[in-house]
Amino acid sequence: MTNQDFYTTLTIGTDLIPSEDIYYKKLGAILYEMRIKQGLTITQVCYATGIKTDDLYGYENGAQKIPVYDLLLLLSFMEQE
């Protein structure tokens, strides 16, 4: 996914940046899709990144804000797989 694709996905194809809750739900859905597409379990990702299971579950469901550092860890790990 290119940066432009990522931006377009997160802004839901509009010129407006969505509200914070919609943003985190959409971002979580993207992370979930990436993980599933690569055949990874939450346990595998958490073990490799050091992110707590409850936190990753919350990120993927959009129930919890994703700190930038955790986002970078997740993207870096999934890019390697």
PDB file of N, CA and C in Angstrom:
ATOM      1  N   MET A   1       0.849  -1.165   0.000  1.00  0.00           N
ATOM      2  CA  MET A   1       0.000   0.000   0.000  1.00  0.00           C
ATOM      3  C   MET A   1       0.900   1.235   0.000  1.00  0.00           C
ATOM      4  N   THR A   2       0.674   2.140  -0.925  1.00  0.00           N
ATOM      5  CA  THR A   2       1.465   3.365  -0.974  1.00  0.00           C
ATOM      6  C   THR A   2       0.962   4.353   0.076  1.00  0.00           C
ATOM      7  N   ASN A   3       1.746   5.370   0.330  1.00  0.00           N
ATOM      8  CA  ASN A   3       1.318   6.401   1.284  1.00  0.00           C
ATOM      9  C   ASN A   3       0.005   7.035   0.832  1.00  0.00           C
ATOM     10  N   GLN A   4      -0.141   7.282  -0.463  1.00  0.00           N
ATOM     11  CA  GLN A   4      -1.366   7.888  -0.972  1.00  0.00           C
ATOM     12  C   GLN A   4      -2.549   6.947  -0.777  1.00  0.00           C
ATOM     13  N   ASP A   5      -2.344   5.656  -1.045  1.00  0.00           N
ATOM     14  CA  ASP A   5      -3.416   4.673  -0.825  1.00  0.00           C
ATOM     15  C   ASP A   5      -3.815   4.645   0.644  1.00  0.00           C
ATOM     16  N   PHE A   6      -2.803   4.670   1.512  1.00  0.00           N
ATOM     17  CA  PHE A   6      -3.036   4.645   2.946  1.00  0.00           C
ATOM     18  C   PHE A   6      -3.839   5.884   3.365  1.00  0.00           C
ATOM     19  N   TYR A   7      -3.444   7.049   2.875  1.00  0.00           N
ATOM     20  CA  TYR A   7      -4.153   8.300   3.201  1.00  0.00           C
ATOM     21  C   TYR A   7      -5.583   8.250   2.686  1.00  0.00           C
ATOM     22  N   THR A   8      -5.755   7.798   1.455  1.00  0.00           N
ATOM     23  CA  THR A   8      -7.092   7.727   0.863  1.00  0.00           C
ATOM     24  C   THR A   8      -7.982   6.780   1.660  1.00  0.00           C
ATOM     25  N   THR A   9      -7.414   5.650   2.070  1.00  0.00           N
ATOM     26  CA  THR A   9      -8.175   4.688   2.864  1.00  0.00           C
ATOM     27  C   THR A   9      -8.580   5.282   4.199  1.00  0.00           C
ATOM     28  N   LEU A  10      -7.639   5.946   4.856  1.00  0.00           N
ATOM     29  CA  LEU A  10      -7.935   6.509   6.178  1.00  0.00           C
ATOM     30  C   LEU A  10      -8.895   7.690   6.123  1.00  0.00           C
ATOM     31  N   THR A  11      -8.884   8.428   5.043  1.00  0.00           N
ATOM     32  CA  THR A  11      -9.799   9.563   4.938  1.00  0.00           C
ATOM     33  C   THR A  11     -11.102   9.167   4.253  1.00  0.00           C
ATOM     34  N   ILE A  12     -11.239   7.881   4.011  1.00  0.00           N
ATOM     35  CA  ILE A  12     -12.458   7.301   3.434  1.00  0.00           C
ATOM     36  C   ILE A  12     -12.773   7.945   2.075  1.00  0.00           C
ATOM     37  N   GLY A  13     -11.720   8.263   1.332  1.00  0.00           N
ATOM     38  CA  GLY A  13     -11.873   8.760  -0.023  1.00  0.00           C
ATOM     39  C   GLY A  13     -12.418  10.173  -0.140  1.00  0.00           C
ATOM     40  N   THR A  14     -12.378  10.940   0.932  1.00  0.00           N
ATOM     41  CA  THR A  14     -12.839  12.322   0.869  1.00  0.00           C
ATOM     42  C   THR A  14     -11.652  13.246   1.130  1.00  0.00           C
ATOM     43  N   ASP A  15     -11.863  14.522   0.963  1.00  0.00           N
ATOM     44  CA  ASP A  15     -10.815  15.493   1.255  1.00  0.00           C
ATOM     45  C   ASP A  15     -10.781  15.857   2.735  1.00  0.00           C
ATOM     46  N   LEU A  16     -11.732  15.341   3.478  1.00  0.00           N
ATOM     47  CA  LEU A  16     -11.823  15.657   4.894  1.00  0.00           C
ATOM     48  C   LEU A  16     -11.190  14.555   5.730  1.00  0.00           C
ATOM     49  N   ILE A  17     -10.550  14.920   6.786  1.00  0.00           N
ATOM     50  CA  ILE A  17     -10.034  13.935   7.723  1.00  0.00           C
ATOM     51  C   ILE A  17     -11.196  13.552   8.628  1.00  0.00           C
ATOM     52  N   PRO A  18     -11.457  12.253   8.764  1.00  0.00           N
ATOM     53  CA  PRO A  18     -12.613  11.819   9.561  1.00  0.00           C
ATOM     54  C   PRO A  18     -12.432  12.106  11.050  1.00  0.00           C
ATOM     55  N   SER A  19     -13.516  11.975  11.793  1.00  0.00           N
ATOM     56  CA  SER A  19     -13.441  12.172  13.238  1.00  0.00           C
ATOM     57  C   SER A  19     -12.497  11.125  13.817  1.00  0.00           C
ATOM     58  N   GLU A  20     -12.009  11.392  14.999  1.00  0.00           N
ATOM     59  CA  GLU A  20     -11.006  10.534  15.625  1.00  0.00           C
ATOM     60  C   GLU A  20     -11.488   9.096  15.797  1.00  0.00           C
ATOM     61  N   ASP A  21     -12.726   8.905  16.219  1.00  0.00           N
ATOM     62  CA  ASP A  21     -13.204   7.537  16.422  1.00  0.00           C
ATOM     63  C   ASP A  21     -13.294   6.768  15.113  1.00  0.00           C
ATOM     64  N   ILE A  22     -13.717   7.422  14.040  1.00  0.00           N
ATOM     65  CA  ILE A  22     -13.770   6.771  12.731  1.00  0.00           C
ATOM     66  C   ILE A  22     -12.361   6.462  12.237  1.00  0.00           C
ATOM     67  N   TYR A  23     -11.446   7.389  12.450  1.00  0.00           N
ATOM     68  CA  TYR A  23     -10.053   7.204  12.048  1.00  0.00           C
ATOM     69  C   TYR A  23      -9.465   5.954  12.703  1.00  0.00           C
ATOM     70  N   TYR A  24      -9.622   5.808  14.006  1.00  0.00           N
ATOM     71  CA  TYR A  24      -9.044   4.652  14.702  1.00  0.00           C
ATOM     72  C   TYR A  24      -9.736   3.344  14.332  1.00  0.00           C
ATOM     73  N   LYS A  25     -11.024   3.385  14.060  1.00  0.00           N
ATOM     74  CA  LYS A  25     -11.717   2.177  13.604  1.00  0.00           C
ATOM     75  C   LYS A  25     -11.206   1.756  12.233  1.00  0.00           C
ATOM     76  N   LYS A  26     -11.037   2.714  11.345  1.00  0.00           N
ATOM     77  CA  LYS A  26     -10.556   2.415  10.000  1.00  0.00           C
ATOM     78  C   LYS A  26      -9.107   1.923  10.047  1.00  0.00           C
ATOM     79  N   LEU A  27      -8.281   2.580  10.827  1.00  0.00           N
ATOM     80  CA  LEU A  27      -6.885   2.169  10.970  1.00  0.00           C
ATOM     81  C   LEU A  27      -6.804   0.756  11.555  1.00  0.00           C
ATOM     82  N   GLY A  28      -7.615   0.480  12.551  1.00  0.00           N
ATOM     83  CA  GLY A  28      -7.646  -0.849  13.149  1.00  0.00           C
ATOM     84  C   GLY A  28      -8.070  -1.910  12.146  1.00  0.00           C
ATOM     85  N   ALA A  29      -9.050  -1.583  11.317  1.00  0.00           N
ATOM     86  CA  ALA A  29      -9.510  -2.530  10.298  1.00  0.00           C
ATOM     87  C   ALA A  29      -8.400  -2.821   9.289  1.00  0.00           C
ATOM     88  N   ILE A  30      -7.624  -1.815   8.948  1.00  0.00           N
ATOM     89  CA  ILE A  30      -6.498  -2.002   8.024  1.00  0.00           C
ATOM     90  C   ILE A  30      -5.461  -2.923   8.651  1.00  0.00           C
ATOM     91  N   LEU A  31      -5.122  -2.681   9.910  1.00  0.00           N
ATOM     92  CA  LEU A  31      -4.148  -3.531  10.601  1.00  0.00           C
ATOM     93  C   LEU A  31      -4.647  -4.967  10.695  1.00  0.00           C
ATOM     94  N   TYR A  32      -5.921  -5.123  11.002  1.00  0.00           N
ATOM     95  CA  TYR A  32      -6.519  -6.458  11.082  1.00  0.00           C
ATOM     96  C   TYR A  32      -6.407  -7.175   9.738  1.00  0.00           C
ATOM     97  N   GLU A  33      -6.791  -6.480   8.666  1.00  0.00           N
ATOM     98  CA  GLU A  33      -6.720  -7.062   7.324  1.00  0.00           C
ATOM     99  C   GLU A  33      -5.295  -7.475   6.970  1.00  0.00           C
ATOM    100  N   MET A  34      -4.341  -6.620   7.288  1.00  0.00           N
ATOM    101  CA  MET A  34      -2.937  -6.926   6.999  1.00  0.00           C
ATOM    102  C   MET A  34      -2.499  -8.189   7.741  1.00  0.00           C
ATOM    103  N   ARG A  35      -2.880  -8.280   9.002  1.00  0.00           N
ATOM    104  CA  ARG A  35      -2.482  -9.420   9.822  1.00  0.00           C
ATOM    105  C   ARG A  35      -3.105 -10.712   9.301  1.00  0.00           C
ATOM    106  N   ILE A  36      -4.391 -10.684   9.009  1.00  0.00           N
ATOM    107  CA  ILE A  36      -5.106 -11.858   8.529  1.00  0.00           C
ATOM    108  C   ILE A  36      -4.582 -12.289   7.156  1.00  0.00           C
ATOM    109  N   LYS A  37      -4.350 -11.320   6.289  1.00  0.00           N
ATOM    110  CA  LYS A  37      -3.851 -11.611   4.943  1.00  0.00           C
ATOM    111  C   LYS A  37      -2.513 -12.351   5.004  1.00  0.00           C
ATOM    112  N   GLN A  38      -1.721 -12.063   6.024  1.00  0.00           N
ATOM    113  CA  GLN A  38      -0.422 -12.704   6.177  1.00  0.00           C
ATOM    114  C   GLN A  38      -0.493 -13.983   7.013  1.00  0.00           C
ATOM    115  N   GLY A  39      -1.684 -14.335   7.456  1.00  0.00           N
ATOM    116  CA  GLY A  39      -1.868 -15.564   8.209  1.00  0.00           C
ATOM    117  C   GLY A  39      -1.277 -15.518   9.611  1.00  0.00           C
ATOM    118  N   LEU A  40      -1.223 -14.332  10.188  1.00  0.00           N
ATOM    119  CA  LEU A  40      -0.638 -14.156  11.523  1.00  0.00           C
ATOM    120  C   LEU A  40      -1.726 -14.105  12.589  1.00  0.00           C
ATOM    121  N   THR A  41      -1.426 -14.681  13.738  1.00  0.00           N
ATOM    122  CA  THR A  41      -2.336 -14.579  14.875  1.00  0.00           C
ATOM    123  C   THR A  41      -1.953 -13.360  15.712  1.00  0.00           C
ATOM    124  N   ILE A  42      -2.873 -12.943  16.559  1.00  0.00           N
ATOM    125  CA  ILE A  42      -2.569 -11.843  17.469  1.00  0.00           C
ATOM    126  C   ILE A  42      -1.390 -12.230  18.356  1.00  0.00           C
ATOM    127  N   THR A  43      -1.357 -13.472  18.805  1.00  0.00           N
ATOM    128  CA  THR A  43      -0.273 -13.941  19.672  1.00  0.00           C
ATOM    129  C   THR A  43       1.080 -13.828  18.980  1.00  0.00           C
ATOM    130  N   GLN A  44       1.147 -14.213  17.710  1.00  0.00           N
ATOM    131  CA  GLN A  44       2.402 -14.127  16.971  1.00  0.00           C
ATOM    132  C   GLN A  44       2.876 -12.682  16.847  1.00  0.00           C
ATOM    133  N   VAL A  45       1.966 -11.787  16.515  1.00  0.00           N
ATOM    134  CA  VAL A  45       2.326 -10.379  16.342  1.00  0.00           C
ATOM    135  C   VAL A  45       2.766  -9.786  17.679  1.00  0.00           C
ATOM    136  N   CYS A  46       2.047 -10.087  18.727  1.00  0.00           N
ATOM    137  CA  CYS A  46       2.389  -9.558  20.053  1.00  0.00           C
ATOM    138  C   CYS A  46       3.746 -10.066  20.521  1.00  0.00           C
ATOM    139  N   TYR A  47       4.006 -11.340  20.312  1.00  0.00           N
ATOM    140  CA  TYR A  47       5.291 -11.920  20.710  1.00  0.00           C
ATOM    141  C   TYR A  47       6.445 -11.231  19.973  1.00  0.00           C
ATOM    142  N   ALA A  48       6.257 -10.978  18.670  1.00  0.00           N
ATOM    143  CA  ALA A  48       7.316 -10.394  17.852  1.00  0.00           C
ATOM    144  C   ALA A  48       7.525  -8.903  18.117  1.00  0.00           C
ATOM    145  N   THR A  49       6.466  -8.196  18.499  1.00  0.00           N
ATOM    146  CA  THR A  49       6.564  -6.741  18.652  1.00  0.00           C
ATOM    147  C   THR A  49       6.640  -6.273  20.103  1.00  0.00           C
ATOM    148  N   GLY A  50       6.225  -7.139  21.021  1.00  0.00           N
ATOM    149  CA  GLY A  50       6.198  -6.738  22.426  1.00  0.00           C
ATOM    150  C   GLY A  50       4.943  -5.967  22.811  1.00  0.00           C
ATOM    151  N   ILE A  51       4.008  -5.851  21.899  1.00  0.00           N
ATOM    152  CA  ILE A  51       2.736  -5.181  22.182  1.00  0.00           C
ATOM    153  C   ILE A  51       1.850  -6.155  22.952  1.00  0.00           C
ATOM    154  N   LYS A  52       1.151  -5.676  23.961  1.00  0.00           N
ATOM    155  CA  LYS A  52       0.273  -6.527  24.765  1.00  0.00           C
ATOM    156  C   LYS A  52      -0.931  -6.966  23.931  1.00  0.00           C
ATOM    157  N   THR A  53      -1.374  -8.197  24.179  1.00  0.00           N
ATOM    158  CA  THR A  53      -2.490  -8.776  23.433  1.00  0.00           C
ATOM    159  C   THR A  53      -3.744  -7.913  23.525  1.00  0.00           C
ATOM    160  N   ASP A  54      -4.079  -7.467  24.721  1.00  0.00           N
ATOM    161  CA  ASP A  54      -5.276  -6.630  24.892  1.00  0.00           C
ATOM    162  C   ASP A  54      -5.158  -5.324  24.117  1.00  0.00           C
ATOM    163  N   ASP A  55      -3.943  -4.778  24.070  1.00  0.00           N
ATOM    164  CA  ASP A  55      -3.733  -3.530  23.327  1.00  0.00           C
ATOM    165  C   ASP A  55      -3.945  -3.756  21.827  1.00  0.00           C
ATOM    166  N   LEU A  56      -3.333  -4.798  21.275  1.00  0.00           N
ATOM    167  CA  LEU A  56      -3.479  -5.060  19.841  1.00  0.00           C
ATOM    168  C   LEU A  56      -4.931  -5.338  19.490  1.00  0.00           C
ATOM    169  N   TYR A  57      -5.607  -6.103  20.334  1.00  0.00           N
ATOM    170  CA  TYR A  57      -7.024  -6.363  20.103  1.00  0.00           C
ATOM    171  C   TYR A  57      -7.806  -5.045  20.078  1.00  0.00           C
ATOM    172  N   GLY A  58      -7.510  -4.155  21.020  1.00  0.00           N
ATOM    173  CA  GLY A  58      -8.167  -2.849  21.066  1.00  0.00           C
ATOM    174  C   GLY A  58      -7.848  -1.989  19.848  1.00  0.00           C
ATOM    175  N   TYR A  59      -6.593  -2.044  19.384  1.00  0.00           N
ATOM    176  CA  TYR A  59      -6.207  -1.285  18.186  1.00  0.00           C
ATOM    177  C   TYR A  59      -6.999  -1.765  16.971  1.00  0.00           C
ATOM    178  N   GLU A  60      -7.034  -3.092  16.798  1.00  0.00           N
ATOM    179  CA  GLU A  60      -7.696  -3.649  15.626  1.00  0.00           C
ATOM    180  C   GLU A  60      -9.199  -3.397  15.623  1.00  0.00           C
ATOM    181  N   ASN A  61      -9.781  -3.276  16.784  1.00  0.00           N
ATOM    182  CA  ASN A  61     -11.221  -3.017  16.869  1.00  0.00           C
ATOM    183  C   ASN A  61     -11.558  -1.539  16.912  1.00  0.00           C
ATOM    184  N   GLY A  62     -10.541  -0.701  16.919  1.00  0.00           N
ATOM    185  CA  GLY A  62     -10.768   0.734  16.952  1.00  0.00           C
ATOM    186  C   GLY A  62     -11.229   1.233  18.302  1.00  0.00           C
ATOM    187  N   ALA A  63     -11.119   0.395  19.308  1.00  0.00           N
ATOM    188  CA  ALA A  63     -11.560   0.772  20.649  1.00  0.00           C
ATOM    189  C   ALA A  63     -10.464   1.493  21.430  1.00  0.00           C
ATOM    190  N   GLN A  64      -9.253   1.441  20.913  1.00  0.00           N
ATOM    191  CA  GLN A  64      -8.116   2.016  21.626  1.00  0.00           C
ATOM    192  C   GLN A  64      -7.254   2.795  20.634  1.00  0.00           C
ATOM    193  N   LYS A  65      -6.796   3.962  21.043  1.00  0.00           N
ATOM    194  CA  LYS A  65      -5.907   4.762  20.200  1.00  0.00           C
ATOM    195  C   LYS A  65      -4.558   4.059  20.062  1.00  0.00           C
ATOM    196  N   ILE A  66      -3.973   4.159  18.870  1.00  0.00           N
ATOM    197  CA  ILE A  66      -2.701   3.503  18.603  1.00  0.00           C
ATOM    198  C   ILE A  66      -1.572   4.525  18.720  1.00  0.00           C
ATOM    199  N   PRO A  67      -0.683   4.323  19.695  1.00  0.00           N
ATOM    200  CA  PRO A  67       0.477   5.217  19.768  1.00  0.00           C
ATOM    201  C   PRO A  67       1.330   5.066  18.498  1.00  0.00           C
ATOM    202  N   VAL A  68       1.935   6.137  18.070  1.00  0.00           N
ATOM    203  CA  VAL A  68       2.731   6.121  16.845  1.00  0.00           C
ATOM    204  C   VAL A  68       3.801   5.032  16.898  1.00  0.00           C
ATOM    205  N   TYR A  69       4.456   4.878  18.025  1.00  0.00           N
ATOM    206  CA  TYR A  69       5.516   3.878  18.132  1.00  0.00           C
ATOM    207  C   TYR A  69       4.976   2.466  17.903  1.00  0.00           C
ATOM    208  N   ASP A  70       3.815   2.161  18.480  1.00  0.00           N
ATOM    209  CA  ASP A  70       3.212   0.842  18.277  1.00  0.00           C
ATOM    210  C   ASP A  70       2.808   0.650  16.815  1.00  0.00           C
ATOM    211  N   LEU A  71       2.305   1.701  16.190  1.00  0.00           N
ATOM    212  CA  LEU A  71       1.934   1.626  14.778  1.00  0.00           C
ATOM    213  C   LEU A  71       3.167   1.321  13.931  1.00  0.00           C
ATOM    214  N   LEU A  72       4.263   1.998  14.231  1.00  0.00           N
ATOM    215  CA  LEU A  72       5.497   1.745  13.486  1.00  0.00           C
ATOM    216  C   LEU A  72       6.005   0.324  13.710  1.00  0.00           C
ATOM    217  N   LEU A  73       5.922  -0.167  14.932  1.00  0.00           N
ATOM    218  CA  LEU A  73       6.311  -1.554  15.212  1.00  0.00           C
ATOM    219  C   LEU A  73       5.475  -2.532  14.399  1.00  0.00           C
ATOM    220  N   LEU A  74       4.178  -2.321  14.384  1.00  0.00           N
ATOM    221  CA  LEU A  74       3.283  -3.219  13.662  1.00  0.00           C
ATOM    222  C   LEU A  74       3.541  -3.194  12.155  1.00  0.00           C
ATOM    223  N   LEU A  75       3.664  -1.998  11.609  1.00  0.00           N
ATOM    224  CA  LEU A  75       3.894  -1.885  10.168  1.00  0.00           C
ATOM    225  C   LEU A  75       5.243  -2.461   9.781  1.00  0.00           C
ATOM    226  N   SER A  76       6.242  -2.222  10.601  1.00  0.00           N
ATOM    227  CA  SER A  76       7.580  -2.751  10.328  1.00  0.00           C
ATOM    228  C   SER A  76       7.562  -4.278  10.364  1.00  0.00           C
ATOM    229  N   PHE A  77       6.925  -4.848  11.367  1.00  0.00           N
ATOM    230  CA  PHE A  77       6.866  -6.300  11.482  1.00  0.00           C
ATOM    231  C   PHE A  77       6.106  -6.917  10.315  1.00  0.00           C
ATOM    232  N   MET A  78       4.956  -6.355   9.993  1.00  0.00           N
ATOM    233  CA  MET A  78       4.136  -6.938   8.928  1.00  0.00           C
ATOM    234  C   MET A  78       4.769  -6.763   7.559  1.00  0.00           C
ATOM    235  N   GLU A  79       5.566  -5.732   7.412  1.00  0.00           N
ATOM    236  CA  GLU A  79       6.266  -5.516   6.149  1.00  0.00           C
ATOM    237  C   GLU A  79       7.326  -6.597   5.925  1.00  0.00           C
ATOM    238  N   GLN A  80       7.891  -7.101   7.016  1.00  0.00           N
ATOM    239  CA  GLN A  80       8.924  -8.122   6.921  1.00  0.00           C
ATOM    240  C   GLN A  80       8.341  -9.487   6.572  1.00  0.00           C
ATOM    241  N   GLU A  81       7.111  -9.714   6.972  1.00  0.00           N
ATOM    242  CA  GLU A  81       6.489 -11.035   6.759  1.00  0.00           C
ATOM    243  C   GLU A  81       6.113 -11.246   5.312  1.00  0.00           C
TER     244      GLU A  81
END
